[in-house]
Protein backbone atom coordinates (compact mmCIF):
# COMPACT_ATOMS: atom_id res chain seq x y z
CA MET A 1 32.71 -13.07 76.79
CA TYR A 2 30.29 -14.64 74.29
CA LYS A 3 29.02 -17.12 76.91
CA LEU A 4 28.54 -14.23 79.35
CA GLN A 5 26.49 -12.32 76.78
CA VAL A 6 24.35 -15.41 76.10
CA ASN A 7 23.78 -15.96 79.82
CA ASN A 8 22.78 -12.31 80.24
CA LYS A 9 20.30 -12.65 77.37
CA VAL A 10 18.85 -15.79 78.92
CA LEU A 11 18.52 -14.12 82.32
CA PHE A 12 16.91 -11.08 80.75
CA SER A 13 14.44 -13.29 78.86
CA LEU A 14 13.54 -15.19 82.02
CA PHE A 15 13.10 -11.93 83.90
CA PHE A 16 10.85 -10.54 81.13
CA VAL A 17 8.73 -13.72 81.08
CA SER A 18 8.40 -13.66 84.90
CA VAL A 19 7.28 -10.03 84.94
CA THR A 20 4.80 -10.71 82.13
CA LEU A 21 3.32 -13.67 84.00
CA ILE A 22 2.98 -11.62 87.20
CA LEU A 23 1.24 -8.81 85.37
CA PHE A 24 -1.03 -11.26 83.57
CA SER A 25 -1.93 -13.00 86.84
CA SER A 26 -2.72 -9.68 88.46
CA SER A 27 -4.93 -8.67 85.57
CA VAL A 28 -6.79 -12.01 85.77
CA ILE A 29 -7.43 -11.51 89.50
CA LEU A 30 -8.60 -7.97 88.90
CA PHE A 31 -10.72 -9.05 85.94
CA ALA A 32 -12.41 -11.76 87.99
CA ASN A 33 -13.89 -9.07 90.21
CA LYS A 34 -15.12 -7.03 87.27
CA ALA A 35 -17.69 -7.56 84.56
CA ILE A 36 -16.87 -9.85 81.67
CA ALA A 37 -16.19 -6.99 79.25
CA ALA A 38 -15.70 -3.25 79.31
CA GLY A 39 -18.96 -1.37 79.48
CA LYS A 40 -20.77 -4.36 81.03
CA PHE A 41 -21.91 -5.50 84.46
CA THR A 42 -23.49 -8.71 85.69
CA ILE A 43 -26.18 -9.76 88.13
CA ASP A 44 -25.32 -13.20 89.49
CA PRO A 45 -28.09 -15.00 91.39
CA LYS A 46 -27.22 -17.94 93.62
CA ILE A 47 -30.45 -19.95 93.86
CA ASP A 48 -31.14 -22.10 96.92
CA LEU A 49 -32.78 -25.37 95.79
CA LYS A 50 -32.86 -27.23 99.10
CA LYS A 51 -36.59 -26.75 99.69
CA LEU A 52 -37.56 -27.80 96.17
CA ASN A 53 -38.55 -31.41 95.48
CA ASN A 54 -36.16 -32.66 92.79
CA PRO A 55 -36.29 -29.57 90.57
CA GLN A 56 -35.83 -30.34 86.88
CA LYS A 57 -36.42 -27.03 85.15
CA LEU A 58 -36.12 -23.41 86.27
CA LYS A 59 -36.95 -20.24 84.38
CA VAL A 60 -34.96 -17.28 85.70
CA VAL A 61 -35.66 -13.70 84.65
CA ALA A 62 -33.85 -10.47 85.49
CA TYR A 63 -34.31 -6.77 84.78
CA SER A 64 -31.91 -3.85 85.10
CA THR A 65 -31.29 -0.50 83.37
CA GLY A 66 -34.09 -0.91 80.86
CA GLN A 67 -32.98 -4.41 79.83
CA ASN A 68 -34.67 -7.75 80.54
CA LYS A 69 -33.04 -11.18 80.38
CA THR A 70 -34.30 -14.77 80.57
CA LYS A 71 -32.41 -18.04 81.11
CA TYR A 72 -33.43 -21.66 81.69
CA LEU A 73 -31.71 -24.15 83.98
CA THR A 74 -32.06 -27.90 83.48
CA GLY A 75 -30.19 -31.17 84.00
CA ASN A 76 -26.77 -30.79 85.59
CA ASP A 77 -27.52 -27.14 86.42
CA LEU A 78 -29.84 -28.41 89.16
CA ASN A 79 -27.89 -31.37 90.55
CA SER A 80 -26.74 -29.71 93.78
CA ASN A 81 -28.25 -27.70 96.61
CA THR A 82 -27.70 -24.46 94.74
CA ALA A 83 -27.78 -23.27 91.16
CA THR A 84 -25.96 -20.29 89.77
CA VAL A 85 -26.59 -18.13 86.72
CA SER A 86 -25.16 -14.88 85.41
CA PHE A 87 -26.94 -12.12 83.52
CA GLN A 88 -24.84 -9.59 81.62
CA PHE A 89 -26.08 -6.04 81.00
CA ASN A 90 -24.80 -2.97 79.19
CA GLN A 91 -23.79 -0.19 81.56
CA LYS A 92 -25.16 2.41 79.18
CA ASN A 93 -27.96 2.57 76.62
CA ASP A 94 -30.12 5.22 74.99
CA LEU A 95 -32.25 5.58 78.11
CA VAL A 96 -30.03 5.31 81.16
CA THR A 97 -26.52 4.76 82.49
CA ALA A 98 -26.18 2.29 85.37
CA GLY A 99 -25.31 3.85 88.72
CA HIS A 100 -24.88 2.86 92.34
CA SER A 101 -28.19 2.05 94.05
CA ASP A 102 -30.11 1.73 90.78
CA GLU A 103 -32.66 -1.01 91.32
CA TYR A 104 -33.09 -4.40 89.66
CA PHE A 105 -35.04 -7.59 90.23
CA VAL A 106 -34.62 -11.33 89.71
CA CYS A 107 -37.27 -14.07 89.80
CA ALA A 108 -36.82 -17.84 89.58
CA TYR A 109 -39.71 -20.13 88.63
CA ASP A 110 -39.69 -23.86 89.38
CA LEU A 111 -41.45 -25.57 86.46
CA ASN A 112 -43.10 -28.89 85.80
CA PRO A 113 -40.81 -30.30 83.06
CA GLN A 114 -43.70 -32.05 81.28
CA THR A 115 -46.34 -29.30 81.27
CA ASN A 116 -44.00 -26.31 81.73
CA ASP A 117 -46.43 -24.94 84.35
CA MET A 118 -45.03 -23.01 87.29
CA LYS A 119 -45.00 -24.94 90.56
CA SER A 120 -43.45 -22.24 92.78
CA TYR A 121 -41.42 -19.05 92.59
CA SER A 122 -38.97 -16.86 94.48
CA CYS A 123 -38.18 -13.22 93.71
CA ILE A 124 -35.85 -10.55 95.01
CA GLU A 125 -35.38 -6.83 94.41
CA GLY A 126 -31.95 -5.29 94.90
CA ASN A 127 -29.72 -2.26 94.42
CA LEU A 128 -26.68 -2.26 92.15
CA GLU A 129 -23.60 -2.28 94.37
CA ASN A 130 -21.17 -2.53 91.47
CA PRO A 131 -22.47 -0.97 88.21
CA SER A 132 -19.23 -1.88 86.44
CA GLY A 133 -18.73 -5.41 87.77
CA LYS A 134 -20.39 -8.36 89.49
CA ASN A 135 -23.52 -8.03 91.64
CA ARG A 136 -24.11 -11.24 93.59
CA VAL A 137 -27.50 -11.98 95.11
CA ASN A 138 -29.05 -14.92 96.97
CA ILE A 139 -32.53 -16.07 96.00
CA GLY A 140 -34.81 -18.82 97.27
CA SER A 141 -33.49 -18.59 100.82
CA GLY A 142 -33.81 -16.50 103.95
CA PRO A 143 -36.92 -14.95 105.46
CA VAL A 144 -39.72 -13.13 103.70
CA VAL A 145 -38.69 -9.47 103.92
CA THR A 146 -39.53 -6.25 102.10
CA LEU A 147 -37.26 -6.97 99.14
CA SER A 148 -37.47 -10.78 99.03
CA THR A 149 -40.21 -13.41 98.86
CA GLY A 150 -37.90 -15.80 100.74
CA PRO A 151 -38.00 -19.54 99.90
CA PHE A 152 -39.87 -20.80 96.87
CA LYS A 153 -43.62 -20.70 97.36
CA PRO A 154 -46.57 -21.86 95.23
CA VAL A 155 -49.53 -19.92 93.91
CA ASN A 156 -52.52 -22.09 94.77
CA GLY A 157 -55.23 -20.20 92.92
CA GLY A 158 -57.73 -22.46 91.18
CA PRO A 159 -59.59 -21.97 87.88
CA ASN A 160 -61.83 -19.35 89.50
CA GLU A 161 -58.81 -17.20 90.42
CA ILE A 162 -57.32 -16.83 86.94
CA ILE A 163 -56.73 -13.24 85.82
CA LYS A 164 -57.55 -12.93 82.11
CA ASN A 165 -55.78 -10.25 80.08
CA PRO A 166 -54.64 -8.13 83.04
CA THR A 167 -53.56 -4.54 82.48
CA ILE A 168 -50.73 -3.40 84.74
CA VAL A 169 -50.97 0.36 85.28
CA VAL A 170 -47.49 1.66 86.12
CA TRP A 171 -47.59 4.85 88.20
CA ILE A 172 -44.68 7.27 87.82
CA GLU A 173 -44.83 10.06 90.38
CA ASN A 174 -42.82 13.17 91.30
CA LEU A 175 -41.76 14.33 87.85
CA ALA A 176 -42.62 18.00 88.36
CA GLY A 177 -39.62 20.29 87.97
CA LYS A 178 -37.52 17.72 86.12
CA LYS A 179 -35.44 19.51 83.50
CA ASP A 180 -34.89 18.08 80.03
CA LEU A 181 -37.63 15.53 80.51
CA LYS A 182 -37.33 12.95 77.72
CA ASP A 183 -38.18 9.30 77.11
CA ILE A 184 -38.84 7.04 80.07
CA GLN A 185 -39.20 3.28 79.80
CA ALA A 186 -41.95 1.64 81.82
CA VAL A 187 -41.84 -2.14 82.18
CA ALA A 188 -43.98 -4.70 83.98
CA MET A 189 -43.23 -8.38 84.59
CA ILE A 190 -45.56 -11.09 85.77
CA LYS A 191 -45.25 -14.89 85.56
CA GLY A 192 -41.91 -14.53 83.76
CA GLU A 193 -43.33 -12.34 80.96
CA PHE A 194 -42.31 -8.74 80.24
CA LYS A 195 -44.22 -5.86 78.71
CA CYS A 196 -42.59 -2.48 78.13
CA ASN A 197 -43.33 0.90 76.63
CA ILE A 198 -41.13 3.90 75.83
CA LEU A 199 -43.00 6.99 77.00
CA ASP A 200 -42.77 10.50 75.61
CA ALA A 201 -42.73 11.76 79.18
CA ARG A 202 -42.77 15.47 78.35
CA LYS A 203 -45.85 15.19 76.16
CA MET A 204 -47.63 12.95 78.65
CA LEU A 205 -46.81 15.24 81.56
CA GLU A 206 -48.25 18.23 79.71
CA LYS A 207 -51.58 16.41 79.64
CA SER A 208 -51.37 15.32 83.28
CA LYS A 209 -53.22 17.33 85.91
CA ASP A 210 -51.27 15.96 88.85
CA ASN A 211 -47.73 15.43 87.47
CA ILE A 212 -48.24 11.66 87.52
CA LEU A 213 -47.89 9.34 84.53
CA THR A 214 -49.96 6.15 84.46
CA PRO A 215 -49.09 4.11 81.36
CA PRO A 216 -51.09 0.85 80.99
CA LEU A 217 -49.32 -2.35 79.96
CA LEU A 218 -51.62 -5.08 78.68
CA PHE A 219 -50.79 -8.79 79.13
CA ASP A 220 -53.09 -10.28 76.49
CA LYS A 221 -51.51 -13.72 76.18
CA ILE A 222 -51.25 -16.62 78.59
CA PRO A 223 -47.63 -16.86 79.84
CA GLU A 224 -45.66 -19.92 78.75
CA ILE A 225 -45.50 -21.13 82.37
CA GLY A 226 -49.25 -21.04 82.98
CA PRO A 227 -52.11 -18.56 83.38
CA ILE A 228 -51.80 -15.53 85.64
CA LYS A 229 -53.59 -16.06 88.94
CA LYS A 230 -54.50 -14.19 92.07
CA GLY A 231 -51.38 -14.35 94.26
CA ASP A 232 -48.85 -14.14 91.42
CA PHE A 233 -45.97 -11.74 91.97
CA LEU A 234 -45.56 -8.73 89.69
CA PHE A 235 -42.88 -6.09 89.24
CA ALA A 236 -42.94 -2.66 87.64
CA CYS A 237 -39.86 -0.56 86.86
CA VAL A 238 -39.05 2.73 85.19
CA SER A 239 -35.69 3.65 83.65
CA ALA A 240 -34.26 6.98 82.43
CA ASN A 241 -31.35 9.25 83.27
CA VAL A 242 -33.83 12.03 84.01
CA LEU A 243 -35.05 10.07 87.05
CA ASN A 244 -31.72 10.79 88.77
CA PRO A 245 -31.31 11.63 91.53
CA THR A 246 -31.64 9.30 93.19
CA GLU A 247 -32.11 6.28 90.91
CA GLY A 248 -31.98 6.00 87.15
CA THR A 249 -33.94 2.75 87.49
CA GLU A 250 -36.63 2.30 90.15
CA CYS A 251 -38.66 -0.87 90.77
CA GLU A 252 -41.55 -1.92 92.97
CA HIS A 253 -43.35 -5.22 93.46
CA ARG A 254 -46.46 -6.76 94.97
CA GLU A 255 -48.79 -9.74 94.74
CA THR A 256 -51.94 -9.63 92.67
CA ILE A 257 -54.83 -9.45 95.14
CA HIS A 258 -57.92 -9.75 92.93
CA THR A 259 -59.04 -11.26 89.63
CA GLY A 260 -60.09 -8.02 87.94
CA ASN A 261 -58.42 -6.64 84.83
CA ILE A 262 -56.76 -3.52 86.26
CA HIS A 263 -53.78 -3.80 88.61
CA ASN A 264 -52.10 -0.60 89.77
CA ILE A 265 -48.50 -0.42 90.97
CA VAL A 266 -46.39 2.63 91.80
CA ALA A 267 -42.95 2.18 90.24
CA ARG A 268 -41.61 5.61 91.22
CA HIS A 269 -42.71 7.49 94.30
CA ASP A 270 -39.61 9.24 95.70
């Protein structure tokens, strides 16, 4: 009888361990498809390096839900045909909660490892497909389309095409009739540098004659990867819950087309 009881205890222990392992394995598989931690999500660029000539240093920047991130890739990160990086963001902050179809952008800059100057760049704008998990995106490949610059390309502007101290004017349209209008963040990014401003949207709108906000963002320092030139790619985004529907974060992009100080870009137009 004692041996039978021992065997039953052993069998029960093995059964318990097996069930625990199965549950743990299932949770790992489920977790792999989610963000790293509760209340987080990631944007995970896969960067095509095949058309770059022995890249040695990349600066990669990303923006989503009022948050900007920067990472550098060097050495073994760049030893294959592709490089991968992951940016983690909070789902919720004081301005906005991430939602499906909220917009984000990622840019990768190929740098000269000695001078740190940008040799070429590739950028992409996207919509969050999974605001509580992983959002994978390909960059540096494919054709040039509305939301992607395609493969890495250089900016060939010479010393006469440098833009000194540019001001990016971020246009925010269609705010009339918005209830509980509060703070809105406006952000601009050019040459891997970010400038942002938290706007008292209600007060600004009261002074606006056309229900359009046009906050200026001044870039008064030379970026670490070289001076801003005609042909550089810029982004502007706005983030706030009050912008819903349809998107709590909206972004737009374009190339700089002149060497003057003022560069207008409409970040919200829906």
